[in-house]
Structures are given as structure tokens and as C-alpha cells.
Protein backbone atom coordinates (compact mmCIF):
# COMPACT_ATOMS: atom_id res chain seq x y z
CA MET A 1 4.73 -15.72 30.02
CA ALA A 2 4.41 -12.20 31.62
CA GLU A 3 1.10 -10.21 31.06
CA HIS A 4 1.18 -6.50 31.10
CA GLN A 5 -1.86 -4.21 31.02
CA PHE A 6 -1.95 -0.80 29.28
CA ASP A 7 -4.49 1.66 28.04
CA ILE A 8 -2.89 1.67 24.55
CA VAL A 9 -0.51 -0.81 22.96
CA VAL A 10 1.29 0.42 19.90
CA LEU A 11 2.71 -2.08 17.46
CA GLY A 12 5.46 -0.22 15.78
CA GLY A 13 7.91 2.56 17.09
CA GLY A 14 8.17 4.74 13.99
CA SER A 15 6.86 8.27 13.46
CA ALA A 16 3.21 7.35 13.74
CA GLY A 17 3.76 4.89 16.45
CA TYR A 18 5.70 6.89 18.96
CA ALA A 19 3.57 9.95 18.26
CA THR A 20 0.64 7.91 19.34
CA ALA A 21 2.32 6.73 22.57
CA ILE A 22 3.49 10.32 23.54
CA ARG A 23 0.23 11.93 22.99
CA ALA A 24 -1.61 9.12 24.88
CA THR A 25 0.57 9.71 28.00
CA GLN A 26 0.29 13.46 27.85
CA LEU A 27 -3.55 12.66 28.07
CA GLY A 28 -3.10 10.57 31.18
CA MET A 29 -3.21 7.09 29.69
CA THR A 30 -0.59 4.29 29.90
CA ALA A 31 1.15 3.24 26.75
CA ALA A 32 3.49 0.63 25.51
CA ILE A 33 5.39 0.45 22.18
CA VAL A 34 6.57 -2.74 20.52
CA GLU A 35 9.47 -2.38 18.12
CA LYS A 36 11.64 -5.12 16.45
CA ASP A 37 14.23 -2.74 15.11
CA LYS A 38 15.17 0.79 16.35
CA LEU A 39 12.81 3.39 17.67
CA GLY A 40 12.13 6.13 15.22
CA GLY A 41 11.57 3.54 12.26
CA THR A 42 12.30 4.16 8.65
CA CYS A 43 12.15 7.95 8.87
CA LEU A 44 14.94 8.41 11.29
CA HIS A 45 17.25 5.52 10.43
CA ARG A 46 16.70 4.75 6.59
CA GLY A 47 14.54 7.60 5.17
CA CYS A 48 13.73 11.18 5.86
CA VAL A 49 16.67 12.03 8.16
CA PRO A 50 19.52 10.31 6.45
CA THR A 51 18.62 11.22 2.96
CA LYS A 52 18.21 14.83 3.88
CA ALA A 53 21.65 14.70 5.47
CA LEU A 54 22.88 13.40 2.25
CA LEU A 55 21.19 16.27 0.31
CA HIS A 56 22.64 18.82 2.54
CA SER A 57 26.19 17.53 1.82
CA ALA A 58 25.30 17.54 -1.83
CA GLU A 59 24.07 21.16 -1.55
CA ILE A 60 27.29 22.19 0.09
CA ALA A 61 29.17 20.65 -2.89
CA ASP A 62 27.12 22.54 -5.43
CA VAL A 63 27.52 25.81 -3.53
CA ALA A 64 31.27 25.29 -3.48
CA ARG A 65 31.36 24.70 -7.19
CA GLU A 66 29.40 27.90 -7.79
CA GLY A 67 31.24 30.09 -5.34
CA SER A 68 32.88 32.37 -8.11
CA VAL A 69 29.46 33.42 -9.17
CA TYR A 70 29.36 35.19 -5.79
CA GLY A 71 32.76 36.46 -5.66
CA VAL A 72 34.05 33.48 -3.60
CA ASN A 73 36.91 31.47 -5.03
CA SER A 74 35.94 28.02 -3.93
CA SER A 75 35.99 24.68 -5.55
CA VAL A 76 35.27 20.95 -4.65
CA GLU A 77 38.60 19.11 -4.21
CA SER A 78 36.86 15.73 -3.65
CA ILE A 79 33.93 14.10 -2.02
CA ASP A 80 34.92 11.88 1.03
CA ILE A 81 31.96 9.62 1.02
CA THR A 82 33.33 8.02 4.43
CA ALA A 83 33.16 11.41 5.96
CA VAL A 84 29.77 12.13 4.44
CA ASN A 85 28.39 8.83 5.86
CA SER A 86 29.96 9.75 9.17
CA PHE A 87 28.10 13.01 9.30
CA ARG A 88 24.89 11.33 8.66
CA GLU A 89 25.29 8.53 11.17
CA LYS A 90 26.37 10.97 13.94
CA LEU A 91 23.28 12.93 13.17
CA ILE A 92 21.05 9.80 13.32
CA ALA A 93 22.60 8.70 16.58
CA GLY A 94 21.99 12.02 18.23
CA LYS A 95 18.31 12.08 17.22
CA PHE A 96 17.92 8.38 18.21
CA LYS A 97 19.27 9.07 21.68
CA GLY A 98 17.12 12.06 22.06
CA LEU A 99 14.06 10.04 21.09
CA GLN A 100 14.80 7.36 23.55
CA GLY A 101 15.07 10.02 26.19
CA LEU A 102 11.82 11.52 25.25
CA LEU A 103 9.89 8.29 25.51
CA LYS A 104 11.42 7.56 28.83
CA ALA A 105 10.54 10.98 30.07
CA ASN A 106 6.92 10.32 29.03
CA GLY A 107 6.72 7.19 31.03
CA ILE A 108 6.28 5.03 27.84
CA THR A 109 7.23 1.33 28.16
CA VAL A 110 9.27 -0.08 25.29
CA PHE A 111 9.31 -3.75 24.43
CA ALA A 112 12.08 -4.82 22.02
CA GLY A 113 11.28 -7.59 19.60
CA GLU A 114 8.89 -8.69 16.91
CA GLY A 115 5.25 -8.18 17.97
CA ARG A 116 2.25 -9.91 16.68
CA LEU A 117 -1.36 -9.18 16.99
CA SER A 118 -2.76 -12.31 18.75
CA ALA A 119 -6.29 -11.04 19.53
CA ALA A 120 -8.08 -7.78 19.12
CA ASN A 121 -6.84 -6.34 22.34
CA THR A 122 -3.40 -8.37 22.56
CA VAL A 123 -0.03 -8.13 21.23
CA THR A 124 2.55 -10.91 21.87
CA VAL A 125 6.32 -10.09 21.89
CA GLY A 126 8.69 -12.89 22.89
CA GLU A 127 7.59 -14.13 26.41
CA ASP A 128 5.45 -11.07 27.12
CA THR A 129 1.77 -10.53 26.54
CA LEU A 130 0.55 -6.93 26.25
CA VAL A 131 -3.14 -6.43 26.70
CA GLY A 132 -4.35 -2.95 25.73
CA LYS A 133 -7.89 -1.41 26.16
CA ASN A 134 -6.88 -0.21 22.59
CA VAL A 135 -4.38 -1.38 20.11
CA VAL A 136 -2.85 0.76 17.48
CA LEU A 137 -1.20 -0.81 14.50
CA ALA A 138 1.78 1.19 13.34
CA SER A 139 4.15 -1.36 11.64
CA GLY A 140 5.40 0.88 8.80
CA SER A 141 6.61 0.18 5.37
CA TYR A 142 9.39 -1.45 3.11
CA SER A 143 10.94 -0.58 -0.10
CA ARG A 144 8.97 -2.27 -2.93
CA SER A 145 10.32 -3.69 -6.13
CA LEU A 146 8.52 -4.82 -9.38
CA PRO A 147 7.22 -8.31 -9.92
CA GLY A 148 10.12 -10.57 -10.87
CA LEU A 149 12.79 -7.89 -10.17
CA GLU A 150 15.02 -9.28 -7.54
CA ILE A 151 16.93 -6.95 -5.21
CA SER A 152 20.37 -8.37 -4.97
CA GLY A 153 24.11 -7.40 -5.82
CA ARG A 154 24.08 -4.06 -7.80
CA VAL A 155 20.25 -3.94 -7.90
CA ILE A 156 19.58 -1.94 -4.82
CA THR A 157 16.88 -0.03 -2.87
CA SER A 158 17.29 3.34 -1.06
CA GLU A 159 18.30 1.44 2.21
CA HIS A 160 21.19 -0.05 0.29
CA ALA A 161 22.00 3.25 -1.43
CA LEU A 162 22.57 4.88 1.95
CA GLU A 163 25.06 2.17 2.89
CA LEU A 164 27.30 2.58 -0.23
CA ASP A 165 30.91 3.31 0.56
CA GLU A 166 31.59 4.63 -2.90
CA ILE A 167 30.21 7.22 -5.32
CA PRO A 168 29.10 5.44 -8.37
CA GLU A 169 30.53 6.62 -11.73
CA LYS A 170 27.24 5.91 -13.35
CA VAL A 171 23.89 4.93 -11.79
CA LEU A 172 20.36 4.27 -13.15
CA VAL A 173 17.27 5.11 -11.03
CA LEU A 174 14.12 3.18 -11.61
CA GLY A 175 11.23 5.44 -10.70
CA GLY A 176 10.86 9.26 -10.95
CA GLY A 177 8.98 9.90 -7.72
CA VAL A 178 10.25 11.44 -4.54
CA ILE A 179 12.81 8.88 -3.60
CA GLY A 180 14.12 8.54 -7.15
CA VAL A 181 14.68 12.25 -7.87
CA GLU A 182 16.23 12.83 -4.35
CA PHE A 183 18.87 10.19 -4.77
CA ALA A 184 19.34 11.35 -8.49
CA SER A 185 19.92 14.89 -7.16
CA VAL A 186 22.52 13.77 -4.59
CA TRP A 187 24.45 11.49 -7.00
CA ARG A 188 24.71 14.18 -9.64
CA SER A 189 25.97 16.68 -7.06
CA PHE A 190 28.62 14.16 -6.12
CA GLY A 191 29.55 13.87 -9.75
CA SER A 192 27.82 10.77 -10.90
CA GLU A 193 26.23 10.21 -14.24
CA VAL A 194 22.65 9.70 -13.54
CA THR A 195 19.68 8.46 -15.62
CA ILE A 196 16.18 8.10 -14.28
CA ILE A 197 13.62 5.70 -15.80
CA GLU A 198 10.00 6.61 -15.36
CA GLY A 199 7.07 4.83 -16.94
CA LEU A 200 4.70 7.78 -16.74
CA PRO A 201 4.94 10.95 -18.89
CA HIS A 202 6.63 13.07 -16.19
CA LEU A 203 8.96 13.04 -13.30
CA VAL A 204 7.21 13.54 -9.86
CA PRO A 205 4.06 12.56 -11.64
CA ASN A 206 1.85 13.38 -8.70
CA GLU A 207 2.66 17.11 -8.57
CA GLU A 208 1.19 19.94 -10.62
CA GLU A 209 2.20 19.34 -14.29
CA SER A 210 3.97 22.77 -14.67
CA VAL A 211 6.21 21.88 -11.70
CA SER A 212 7.07 18.52 -13.18
CA LYS A 213 8.06 20.25 -16.36
CA GLN A 214 10.17 22.74 -14.68
CA LEU A 215 11.94 20.03 -12.71
CA GLU A 216 12.70 18.30 -16.01
CA ARG A 217 14.22 21.42 -17.42
CA ALA A 218 16.19 21.93 -14.31
CA PHE A 219 17.52 18.35 -14.31
CA LYS A 220 18.45 18.67 -17.92
CA LYS A 221 20.48 21.65 -17.24
CA ARG A 222 22.11 19.93 -14.37
CA GLY A 223 23.02 16.96 -16.64
CA ILE A 224 20.62 14.52 -15.16
CA GLY A 225 19.12 12.25 -17.85
CA PHE A 226 15.80 10.63 -17.80
CA LYS A 227 13.62 8.34 -19.91
CA LEU A 228 9.93 9.12 -19.64
CA GLY A 229 6.82 7.19 -20.73
CA VAL A 230 8.88 3.95 -21.35
CA ARG A 231 8.62 0.97 -19.01
CA PHE A 232 11.28 -1.27 -17.51
CA GLN A 233 11.60 -4.68 -18.95
CA GLY A 234 14.59 -6.37 -17.34
CA VAL A 235 18.00 -6.29 -15.88
CA THR A 236 21.24 -8.33 -15.99
CA GLN A 237 24.24 -7.76 -13.89
CA ASP A 238 27.71 -8.95 -13.34
CA ASP A 239 30.37 -8.17 -10.69
CA SER A 240 30.92 -4.67 -11.82
CA SER A 241 27.90 -3.42 -13.69
CA VAL A 242 24.01 -3.61 -14.58
CA THR A 243 22.34 -3.45 -17.80
CA VAL A 244 18.76 -2.33 -17.97
CA THR A 245 16.58 -3.19 -21.00
CA LEU A 246 13.55 -1.03 -21.57
CA GLU A 247 10.33 -2.22 -23.39
CA ASP A 248 11.19 -0.01 -26.41
CA GLY A 249 14.42 -1.92 -26.75
CA THR A 250 16.78 0.67 -25.27
CA GLU A 251 19.67 -0.72 -23.21
CA LEU A 252 21.31 1.26 -20.40
CA SER A 253 24.36 0.33 -18.39
CA ALA A 254 25.75 1.47 -15.15
CA ASP A 255 27.36 0.56 -11.93
CA TYR A 256 24.15 0.28 -10.03
CA LEU A 257 20.31 0.24 -10.51
CA LEU A 258 18.40 2.01 -7.78
CA VAL A 259 14.82 0.61 -7.45
CA ALA A 260 12.71 3.51 -6.33
CA VAL A 261 9.14 2.41 -7.20
CA GLY A 262 7.46 3.32 -3.83
CA ARG A 263 7.00 1.67 -0.51
CA GLY A 264 4.60 -1.22 0.47
CA PRO A 265 2.89 -1.83 3.91
CA ALA A 266 4.75 -3.95 6.28
CA THR A 267 1.92 -6.05 7.49
CA GLN A 268 2.62 -9.57 6.40
CA GLY A 269 2.87 -12.33 9.10
CA LEU A 270 1.84 -9.93 12.00
CA GLY A 271 -1.53 -11.64 12.63
CA TYR A 272 -3.72 -8.78 11.29
CA GLU A 273 -5.80 -10.90 9.00
CA GLU A 274 -6.06 -13.76 11.40
CA VAL A 275 -7.67 -11.38 14.05
CA GLY A 276 -10.11 -10.24 11.23
CA ILE A 277 -8.72 -6.90 10.35
CA GLU A 278 -10.02 -5.79 6.92
CA MET A 279 -7.04 -5.42 4.38
CA ASP A 280 -6.44 -4.48 0.78
CA ARG A 281 -3.24 -5.46 -0.98
CA GLY A 282 -1.52 -5.46 2.40
CA PHE A 283 -2.76 -2.10 3.62
CA VAL A 284 -5.03 -1.88 6.66
CA LEU A 285 -8.43 -0.37 5.93
CA THR A 286 -9.90 2.11 8.43
CA ASN A 287 -12.72 4.60 8.47
CA GLU A 288 -12.01 8.34 8.31
CA ARG A 289 -11.23 8.34 11.98
CA LEU A 290 -8.56 5.57 11.51
CA ALA A 291 -10.61 2.88 13.29
CA THR A 292 -10.49 -0.67 11.79
CA ASN A 293 -13.38 -2.88 11.52
CA VAL A 294 -12.30 -4.62 14.72
CA ALA A 295 -13.42 -2.68 17.88
CA GLY A 296 -10.68 -1.21 19.67
CA VAL A 297 -8.08 -1.54 17.03
CA TYR A 298 -6.81 1.49 15.00
CA ALA A 299 -4.13 1.87 12.29
CA VAL A 300 -1.73 4.80 11.55
CA GLY A 301 1.02 5.74 9.23
CA ASP A 302 2.29 3.92 6.14
CA ILE A 303 0.08 1.01 6.51
CA VAL A 304 -3.19 3.09 5.96
CA PRO A 305 -3.75 3.91 2.22
CA GLY A 306 -2.79 7.30 1.16
CA LEU A 307 0.34 9.50 1.45
CA GLN A 308 3.39 7.73 3.02
CA LEU A 309 4.98 10.68 4.86
CA ALA A 310 6.38 10.97 8.29
CA HIS A 311 4.58 14.10 9.28
CA ARG A 312 1.34 12.32 8.09
CA GLY A 313 2.26 9.61 10.63
CA TYR A 314 2.76 12.07 13.49
CA GLN A 315 -0.63 13.75 12.70
CA GLN A 316 -2.47 10.34 12.63
CA GLY A 317 -0.68 9.20 15.86
CA ILE A 318 -1.86 12.24 17.72
CA PHE A 319 -5.26 12.08 16.23
CA VAL A 320 -5.79 8.57 17.26
CA ALA A 321 -4.61 9.20 20.82
CA GLU A 322 -6.93 12.15 21.04
CA GLU A 323 -9.79 10.08 19.46
CA ILE A 324 -9.45 7.28 22.10
CA ALA A 325 -9.38 10.07 24.78
CA GLY A 326 -12.78 11.30 23.57
CA LEU A 327 -11.46 14.66 22.34
CA SER A 328 -13.03 14.23 18.70
CA PRO A 329 -9.88 15.86 16.97
CA VAL A 330 -10.37 17.48 13.50
CA ILE A 331 -9.83 15.43 10.46
CA VAL A 332 -7.13 16.55 7.94
CA GLU A 333 -7.57 15.07 4.53
CA ASP A 334 -4.50 13.67 2.84
CA VAL A 335 -4.84 16.30 -0.03
CA ASN A 336 -4.21 19.03 2.48
CA ILE A 337 -1.11 17.64 4.08
CA PRO A 338 2.06 19.43 2.87
CA LYS A 339 4.45 17.54 0.66
CA VAL A 340 8.19 18.41 0.13
CA THR A 341 10.64 16.79 -2.21
CA TYR A 342 14.14 17.71 -1.43
CA CYS A 343 15.87 17.50 -4.80
CA ASP A 344 17.67 20.49 -6.38
CA PRO A 345 15.47 22.40 -6.96
CA GLU A 346 13.10 21.59 -4.24
CA ILE A 347 9.44 21.00 -4.56
CA ALA A 348 6.61 21.86 -2.19
CA SER A 349 2.91 21.63 -2.58
CA VAL A 350 -0.33 21.39 -0.54
CA GLY A 351 -3.90 20.98 -1.80
CA LEU A 352 -5.47 20.29 -5.20
CA THR A 353 -3.58 20.60 -8.58
CA GLU A 354 -5.23 22.76 -11.12
CA SER A 355 -6.51 19.77 -13.01
CA LYS A 356 -7.97 18.20 -9.84
CA ALA A 357 -9.59 21.44 -8.78
CA ALA A 358 -11.18 21.61 -12.30
CA GLU A 359 -12.66 18.02 -11.87
CA LYS A 360 -14.01 18.89 -8.44
CA PHE A 361 -15.36 22.49 -9.09
CA GLY A 362 -15.57 22.79 -12.90
CA ALA A 363 -12.83 24.29 -15.04
CA GLU A 364 -15.06 27.42 -15.44
CA ASN A 365 -14.98 27.93 -11.71
CA VAL A 366 -11.29 27.62 -11.12
CA THR A 367 -8.48 30.35 -11.67
CA SER A 368 -4.80 29.83 -11.13
CA TYR A 369 -1.75 32.13 -11.13
CA GLU A 370 1.96 31.14 -11.47
CA TYR A 371 4.46 33.74 -10.03
CA ASN A 372 7.94 33.33 -11.58
CA LEU A 373 10.67 33.39 -8.99
CA ALA A 374 12.79 35.49 -11.36
CA GLY A 375 10.61 38.49 -9.97
CA ASN A 376 11.66 37.81 -6.30
CA ALA A 377 14.89 39.42 -5.05
CA LYS A 378 15.75 36.69 -2.52
CA SER A 379 15.44 33.95 -5.14
CA SER A 380 17.65 36.05 -7.50
CA ILE A 381 20.28 36.27 -4.61
CA LEU A 382 19.98 32.49 -4.14
CA GLY A 383 20.39 31.98 -7.91
CA THR A 384 17.31 29.84 -8.16
CA ALA A 385 14.71 29.51 -10.90
CA GLY A 386 11.17 28.30 -10.30
CA SER A 387 7.71 29.33 -9.51
CA VAL A 388 4.76 29.53 -7.03
CA LYS A 389 1.41 28.57 -8.40
CA ALA A 390 -1.82 29.17 -6.56
CA VAL A 391 -5.11 27.65 -7.55
CA ARG A 392 -8.42 29.22 -6.33
CA VAL A 393 -12.13 28.62 -6.67
CA ASN A 394 -13.62 31.84 -8.17
CA ASN A 395 -15.00 34.13 -5.52
CA GLY A 396 -13.79 31.48 -3.10
CA PRO A 397 -10.89 29.92 -1.22
CA VAL A 398 -7.41 28.92 -2.36
CA VAL A 399 -7.47 25.21 -2.81
CA GLY A 400 -3.87 24.44 -3.92
CA VAL A 401 -0.42 25.99 -3.75
CA HIS A 402 2.41 24.32 -5.80
CA MET A 403 6.10 25.58 -5.75
CA ILE A 404 9.49 24.73 -7.17
CA GLY A 405 12.87 26.25 -6.39
CA ALA A 406 15.64 26.40 -3.84
CA ARG A 407 14.20 26.35 -0.20
CA VAL A 408 10.55 26.45 -1.24
CA GLY A 409 9.97 23.75 1.39
CA GLU A 410 10.23 26.37 3.90
CA LEU A 411 7.27 28.15 2.43
CA VAL A 412 4.85 25.37 2.60
CA GLY A 413 3.82 26.12 6.18
CA GLU A 414 2.11 29.42 5.08
CA ALA A 415 0.60 27.64 1.96
CA GLN A 416 -0.78 24.94 4.42
CA LEU A 417 -2.41 27.47 6.58
CA ILE A 418 -4.02 29.31 3.58
CA VAL A 419 -5.47 25.95 2.14
CA ASN A 420 -6.64 24.34 5.35
CA TRP A 421 -8.28 27.40 6.71
CA GLU A 422 -9.93 27.94 3.36
CA ALA A 423 -8.68 31.49 3.01
CA SER A 424 -9.47 33.49 -0.16
CA PRO A 425 -6.72 35.49 -1.86
CA GLU A 426 -8.42 38.54 -0.60
CA ASP A 427 -8.21 37.31 2.90
CA VAL A 428 -4.38 36.85 2.47
CA ALA A 429 -3.50 39.76 0.29
CA PRO A 430 -3.49 42.34 2.98
CA PHE A 431 -0.83 40.53 5.07
CA VAL A 432 2.70 41.97 4.97
CA HIS A 433 5.55 39.58 3.88
CA GLY A 434 9.14 40.68 4.78
CA HIS A 435 11.48 41.93 2.29
CA PRO A 436 13.59 40.52 0.72
CA THR A 437 12.32 36.93 1.44
CA GLN A 438 10.94 34.14 -0.59
CA ASN A 439 7.83 34.37 1.43
CA GLU A 440 6.86 37.40 -0.68
CA THR A 441 6.23 35.00 -3.66
CA ILE A 442 3.14 33.73 -1.89
CA GLY A 443 2.07 37.29 -1.11
CA GLU A 444 2.51 38.29 -4.85
CA ALA A 445 0.43 35.28 -5.98
CA MET A 446 -2.30 36.28 -3.53
CA LEU A 447 -2.27 39.86 -4.68
CA LYS A 448 -2.54 38.80 -8.18
CA LEU A 449 -5.49 36.49 -7.58
CA ALA A 450 -7.02 39.25 -5.40
CA GLY A 451 -6.87 41.51 -8.59
CA LYS A 452 -4.35 43.94 -7.23
CA PRO A 453 -0.91 42.79 -8.29
CA LEU A 454 2.21 44.66 -7.20
CA HIS A 455 5.25 43.11 -8.91
CA ALA A 456 3.17 40.36 -10.94
CA ILE A 457 2.08 40.95 -14.45
């Protein structure tokens, strides 16, 4: 067996893993990545990028259907799912090639194969032993199911949904979170009959409640059905259909059941527990600086409890490389990491919801304002409904911004700066927002909370 020495050995080449390695080499360290599949991980090959490519195709279909509203006589002749999939795969292939080149340019050594943590400072992969002054665990996540719910046949996960070579006539979606509502949005745009099953009282239940309610109204208008507050009981299937039974006795039939109940940490069988890493239900436990209980071993990305987002993984990878280099990077709490859900309409948020702010600061010390997109010229041009809601501490900073509407994901950058820099509405209100843009909606919300509304009531 060959032994190789590195300053940092990263187990996993997804968003968090390769960000760690790139930043480490920028800081003068040597770095290796061990990856059993393809560099880029879930985000590039089975998650963020391919699903957003599908959503873009879906958006084009919707725009074509609605062309007459804007004086353009357009229509959708058909959806060529083979061509849709080809567009997606070509996009992924280009990004994958670019990533390979980026890692090579940064002098990062990549070991292909399934790695295992065999000692606190050692990862084995095939016939190679990689010894690192530090080891970073970044093994990613997998699509979860429910106890007793087997993924097979017409019961599928998001990975299988991306590989379908047909557009289902009817589809059921188990789970009304990010993955569930995004796929529901795609399929509806492609002409499918869609019903979402969510055991909690609202779709996207982790978002501001007013945003969830607006999404539900928008989905009803689009013809997307949903069953809320009722739990899944079981499913049967044959060669052509599935039948789902809910705990209230309701039965629903469709061509497929998409199981979208979240993602679990991919840590089993990788040697973590044997080396003494402290775990909880498969997640790797760390301190606030992402160090595990074993000296010299860190963890980043989806295996660390909290938000499972690619950009969180990037941030954590950069953080750990700088931490190892002694730069003492600034901690960004999960609550202040922006979230975007790319259904139609889009949802974007950062910071505390109003209810969480009330819990933290006291309801009497919190004020919020919800600006309706109907008052924004660019939103009216786009034909979108929705709102921007800002939550502030009285005489203090903005602690949350929550948005729903077409393209609001592009607004979350400014919202992130406001929340993370603990700006008050009075700090932001003097800034000029270009007209007509949707960015003005954030400006209007800040003006209102600062006590000098222009177009707000």
C-alpha cells in the first residue's frame, strides 16, 4: 500500500469538500480529496443544478402558455422530455469539466474510490493510505425515506425523478418541503396532475407562516393539489400505478409517488464511530468551529446538523480551511444563511421568522411589515403576486426578511447583508434602489419600518 502525506485530507468531493480543499491550497497547504462517485457531489449531479435546470425549462413552458397576456402569440406544442434531459445533462457535464479543471489548477490531488477513516489522521482508499495533519469529513447526504417505506418501482426519490424519460400524467409527492414543492412545480408546468401530502399544517413549514399561506394560494391557482395535516400510512403499487393510503382513510392513486421527506447524513460504514467521532442519529457532532471531539478532525456540509444547503457547505469548507490556517474566521449562524426555494412562485428568506423573533426578544419588542408586490412596478410587469416581509427589533436591527414571488431569490443577497450586518431600517432607508426593479420592494419595507413610507400604506 502506498502512503501519501498532506496537510489536509478531505473525505468527500461535494460542495463542502472541494471548497475546503481549494481554500486550503490558496492558503499554501497541500490537500487531497477522496471521492467515490463524481466530484461536485449531490448538488452538481443530483440536486441543485439539475433540478434548477428542470425548473428553468418549466418556466419557459409557463411563459409560452401566457404569451398572449403580453401580446405575444405563443403556445406550448409539447414537452420533449428527452430534449429537456439532454439540456440538463449538457449543463452538468460542462460544470463538471470546469470543476475538474479548477481542482487541477489549484494543485489538489484527487483519489477516486470509497474512502474510510481508519485513524484520526488517516483515510484509506483502495491500496492508498492518506495521512493528513488534519482530516475533514464531508461525505454528504442521501435521500431519506420513512420507516417501512421501500424505494422501488414507482415509489421514487428525487434522484430517480431526474432520470424519468416520461412526464407522468398523475404524480403524488410525499413531503411539502423544498424538494417536494420544487418537483411539484416542475411537473405541473409540464402538464401533470400533482398532489402533495404533508403531515404538518402548511407547505414549506420552516418558512414564515404568511409565506407558506401565500404559496398554498398560488399552488391552488396553478391547480396543484395538497393534503395538509394528515400523515402517510402506506402505499401499494403495480406495474402501472401507485395507491397511497393516508391515516384519515383517504386513498390517492397516481403513476408515481415521489418520496421527498428530507435527506439523511451519509456516514454509515465510513469508520467515523470506530475512530471515536461523536455522532447523533448519523450526524457528526461538532463545536461551533466545526471541530469534532477527535483532535485534528473536522466535519462540514450535510453531515453536520443544521441546514443542508450547498452554499452552507461552501461557507463551512472555506471556514474550516481558514480555521486550520489560524485565521480565526467569523462564524455565520445557520439562521443567517439565505434560503431559496425555486418553485413558482419562488421563496427566499434569511434570519428569524416573526414568531421566532418574538420568542427570542419578546413579542412586544418586535415589529414587522409585509410589503405587497402588487405595489411594485417590475413585479407587475412580470405578472407575479407575493410579498416581502421584514422583521425588526424595536429601535434595533432587522432580524429577518421573508419573500415570495417570481425571482425573489435574486433579492436575498441584499437581505442577507441587512440581517448579517445587523442594520436597522433607519440605516437602510436612505439607500437608493433602482427603478423599476424588484429590489425596490426591500427599500419600501425598510422605509415603512423606519417610519417614512413612500408607496407603502
